Amino acid sequence: MISDLISMNGYGAYVWSAFAFTLISFSSLYFIIKLQLKKEQKRFEENFSALTEEKYNVAISQEIYKEILKNSSAKI
C-alpha cells in the first residue's frame, strides 16, 4: 500500500521530486523575505531614531509612520 503511494504507477519520481522542489522553493522564499523584512525594519528604526526633534514630531504626526511604528520597537 505505501509502495503504491510512493511509486504512483511509475509517476512517483516525477510527482515527489516536483513536490520536494516546490516545498524547498517556498521555504527558501519565505526565509529570504523574512530576513529582508527584518533588515528593512532595523534600517527604518535606525533612520527614525536619528531624526531631529522637529522632524521626529512631523514624522509621528503622519498616518503612514503611525502604521509602521505600531508594529516596531521604536518609541512613539
N, C-alpha and C. Protein backbone atom coordinates (compact mmCIF):
# COMPACT_ATOMS: atom_id res chain seq x y z
N MET A 1 0.82 -1.20 0.00
CA MET A 1 0.00 0.00 0.00
C MET A 1 0.87 1.26 0.00
N ILE A 2 1.84 1.32 0.89
CA ILE A 2 2.70 2.51 0.92
C ILE A 2 3.58 2.56 -0.31
N SER A 3 4.01 1.40 -0.79
CA SER A 3 4.84 1.40 -2.00
C SER A 3 4.02 1.89 -3.21
N ASP A 4 2.71 1.59 -3.23
CA ASP A 4 1.85 2.11 -4.29
C ASP A 4 1.75 3.64 -4.22
N LEU A 5 1.66 4.15 -3.01
CA LEU A 5 1.60 5.60 -2.82
C LEU A 5 2.90 6.26 -3.28
N ILE A 6 4.01 5.64 -2.95
CA ILE A 6 5.30 6.22 -3.33
C ILE A 6 5.55 6.09 -4.83
N SER A 7 5.23 4.96 -5.42
CA SER A 7 5.52 4.77 -6.84
C SER A 7 4.50 5.44 -7.76
N MET A 8 3.25 5.54 -7.33
CA MET A 8 2.18 6.18 -8.10
C MET A 8 2.15 5.71 -9.55
N ASN A 9 2.13 4.40 -9.74
CA ASN A 9 2.07 3.78 -11.07
C ASN A 9 3.19 4.25 -12.00
N GLY A 10 4.37 4.44 -11.44
CA GLY A 10 5.52 4.83 -12.25
C GLY A 10 5.76 6.33 -12.33
N TYR A 11 4.82 7.11 -11.83
CA TYR A 11 4.96 8.57 -11.87
C TYR A 11 5.47 9.16 -10.55
N GLY A 12 5.75 8.32 -9.60
CA GLY A 12 6.15 8.78 -8.27
C GLY A 12 7.40 9.63 -8.27
N ALA A 13 8.38 9.26 -9.07
CA ALA A 13 9.63 10.03 -9.11
C ALA A 13 9.36 11.47 -9.56
N TYR A 14 8.50 11.66 -10.53
CA TYR A 14 8.18 12.99 -11.02
C TYR A 14 7.33 13.78 -10.01
N VAL A 15 6.36 13.10 -9.44
CA VAL A 15 5.45 13.76 -8.50
C VAL A 15 6.19 14.17 -7.24
N TRP A 16 6.96 13.26 -6.66
CA TRP A 16 7.64 13.56 -5.40
C TRP A 16 8.78 14.56 -5.60
N SER A 17 9.46 14.50 -6.74
CA SER A 17 10.51 15.49 -6.98
C SER A 17 9.90 16.89 -7.19
N ALA A 18 8.75 16.96 -7.85
CA ALA A 18 8.07 18.25 -8.02
C ALA A 18 7.57 18.78 -6.68
N PHE A 19 7.05 17.89 -5.86
CA PHE A 19 6.59 18.28 -4.52
C PHE A 19 7.77 18.79 -3.68
N ALA A 20 8.89 18.08 -3.72
CA ALA A 20 10.07 18.49 -2.95
C ALA A 20 10.60 19.83 -3.45
N PHE A 21 10.67 19.99 -4.77
CA PHE A 21 11.14 21.25 -5.35
C PHE A 21 10.25 22.42 -4.91
N THR A 22 8.95 22.23 -4.95
CA THR A 22 8.01 23.28 -4.55
C THR A 22 8.16 23.61 -3.07
N LEU A 23 8.25 22.60 -2.25
CA LEU A 23 8.40 22.81 -0.81
C LEU A 23 9.70 23.55 -0.49
N ILE A 24 10.79 23.16 -1.12
CA ILE A 24 12.08 23.82 -0.89
C ILE A 24 12.04 25.26 -1.42
N SER A 25 11.44 25.46 -2.57
CA SER A 25 11.36 26.82 -3.14
C SER A 25 10.54 27.74 -2.26
N PHE A 26 9.38 27.30 -1.82
CA PHE A 26 8.53 28.13 -0.97
C PHE A 26 9.18 28.41 0.38
N SER A 27 9.83 27.41 0.94
CA SER A 27 10.51 27.59 2.23
C SER A 27 11.64 28.60 2.12
N SER A 28 12.46 28.45 1.09
CA SER A 28 13.57 29.39 0.93
C SER A 28 13.06 30.79 0.64
N LEU A 29 12.02 30.93 -0.15
CA LEU A 29 11.43 32.23 -0.43
C LEU A 29 10.90 32.88 0.85
N TYR A 30 10.25 32.11 1.69
CA TYR A 30 9.73 32.61 2.96
C TYR A 30 10.86 33.14 3.83
N PHE A 31 11.93 32.37 3.97
CA PHE A 31 13.02 32.79 4.85
C PHE A 31 13.81 33.97 4.27
N ILE A 32 13.94 34.05 2.97
CA ILE A 32 14.62 35.20 2.35
C ILE A 32 13.81 36.47 2.59
N ILE A 33 12.51 36.40 2.40
CA ILE A 33 11.65 37.56 2.60
C ILE A 33 11.64 37.96 4.08
N LYS A 34 11.63 36.98 4.96
CA LYS A 34 11.65 37.26 6.39
C LYS A 34 12.94 37.98 6.79
N LEU A 35 14.08 37.54 6.26
CA LEU A 35 15.35 38.20 6.54
C LEU A 35 15.38 39.63 5.99
N GLN A 36 14.86 39.81 4.79
CA GLN A 36 14.83 41.15 4.19
C GLN A 36 13.92 42.08 5.00
N LEU A 37 12.81 41.58 5.48
CA LEU A 37 11.91 42.39 6.29
C LEU A 37 12.60 42.84 7.57
N LYS A 38 13.28 41.92 8.25
CA LYS A 38 13.99 42.26 9.48
C LYS A 38 15.06 43.32 9.21
N LYS A 39 15.76 43.18 8.08
CA LYS A 39 16.80 44.14 7.72
C LYS A 39 16.20 45.52 7.47
N GLU A 40 15.09 45.57 6.75
CA GLU A 40 14.44 46.85 6.47
C GLU A 40 13.85 47.47 7.73
N GLN A 41 13.31 46.66 8.63
CA GLN A 41 12.79 47.20 9.88
C GLN A 41 13.90 47.81 10.72
N LYS A 42 15.04 47.12 10.76
CA LYS A 42 16.19 47.63 11.51
C LYS A 42 16.67 48.94 10.91
N ARG A 43 16.75 48.98 9.57
CA ARG A 43 17.20 50.19 8.89
C ARG A 43 16.23 51.35 9.13
N PHE A 44 14.94 51.08 9.11
CA PHE A 44 13.93 52.11 9.37
C PHE A 44 14.07 52.64 10.80
N GLU A 45 14.23 51.74 11.75
CA GLU A 45 14.34 52.18 13.15
C GLU A 45 15.60 53.00 13.37
N GLU A 46 16.70 52.63 12.71
CA GLU A 46 17.93 53.42 12.84
C GLU A 46 17.74 54.81 12.25
N ASN A 47 17.12 54.89 11.07
CA ASN A 47 16.90 56.19 10.44
C ASN A 47 15.89 57.03 11.24
N PHE A 48 14.88 56.38 11.77
CA PHE A 48 13.84 57.10 12.51
C PHE A 48 14.40 57.64 13.83
N SER A 49 15.25 56.86 14.47
CA SER A 49 15.80 57.32 15.75
C SER A 49 16.85 58.41 15.57
N ALA A 50 17.39 58.57 14.35
CA ALA A 50 18.41 59.59 14.08
C ALA A 50 17.78 60.94 13.69
N LEU A 51 16.47 61.05 13.69
CA LEU A 51 15.82 62.30 13.30
C LEU A 51 15.98 63.37 14.38
N THR A 52 15.96 64.61 13.95
CA THR A 52 15.95 65.71 14.93
C THR A 52 14.56 65.76 15.57
N GLU A 53 14.46 66.52 16.64
CA GLU A 53 13.20 66.61 17.38
C GLU A 53 12.06 67.14 16.50
N GLU A 54 12.36 68.14 15.69
CA GLU A 54 11.33 68.73 14.82
C GLU A 54 10.86 67.72 13.76
N LYS A 55 11.81 67.06 13.12
CA LYS A 55 11.46 66.07 12.10
C LYS A 55 10.76 64.86 12.73
N TYR A 56 11.15 64.52 13.94
CA TYR A 56 10.52 63.42 14.65
C TYR A 56 9.04 63.72 14.90
N ASN A 57 8.75 64.93 15.36
CA ASN A 57 7.35 65.31 15.63
C ASN A 57 6.52 65.33 14.35
N VAL A 58 7.11 65.79 13.25
CA VAL A 58 6.40 65.79 11.97
C VAL A 58 6.15 64.35 11.52
N ALA A 59 7.15 63.50 11.69
CA ALA A 59 7.04 62.11 11.23
C ALA A 59 5.96 61.35 12.00
N ILE A 60 5.91 61.52 13.32
CA ILE A 60 4.91 60.76 14.08
C ILE A 60 3.50 61.29 13.88
N SER A 61 3.38 62.50 13.35
CA SER A 61 2.04 63.02 13.08
C SER A 61 1.48 62.47 11.76
N GLN A 62 2.32 61.90 10.92
CA GLN A 62 1.86 61.36 9.64
C GLN A 62 1.28 59.96 9.84
N GLU A 63 0.23 59.69 9.14
CA GLU A 63 -0.52 58.44 9.31
C GLU A 63 0.32 57.21 8.95
N ILE A 64 1.11 57.29 7.89
CA ILE A 64 1.87 56.12 7.45
C ILE A 64 2.91 55.72 8.49
N TYR A 65 3.53 56.70 9.14
CA TYR A 65 4.51 56.38 10.17
C TYR A 65 3.84 55.78 11.40
N LYS A 66 2.63 56.22 11.69
CA LYS A 66 1.90 55.62 12.82
C LYS A 66 1.66 54.14 12.56
N GLU A 67 1.31 53.79 11.33
CA GLU A 67 1.07 52.39 11.00
C GLU A 67 2.37 51.58 11.09
N ILE A 68 3.45 52.15 10.60
CA ILE A 68 4.73 51.44 10.63
C ILE A 68 5.21 51.27 12.06
N LEU A 69 5.12 52.33 12.83
CA LEU A 69 5.64 52.30 14.19
C LEU A 69 4.78 51.49 15.15
N LYS A 70 3.56 51.23 14.76
CA LYS A 70 2.67 50.44 15.61
C LYS A 70 3.25 49.05 15.87
N ASN A 71 3.94 48.50 14.87
CA ASN A 71 4.49 47.15 14.96
C ASN A 71 6.00 47.15 15.15
N SER A 72 6.57 48.27 15.55
CA SER A 72 8.02 48.33 15.68
C SER A 72 8.38 48.60 17.13
N SER A 73 9.66 48.48 17.42
CA SER A 73 10.11 48.71 18.79
C SER A 73 10.51 50.17 19.02
N ALA A 74 10.46 51.01 17.98
CA ALA A 74 10.78 52.43 18.14
C ALA A 74 9.70 53.12 18.96
N LYS A 75 10.07 54.11 19.73
CA LYS A 75 9.12 54.82 20.60
C LYS A 75 8.32 55.85 19.81
N ILE A 76 7.03 55.93 20.11
CA ILE A 76 6.17 56.96 19.50
C ILE A 76 6.04 58.10 20.46
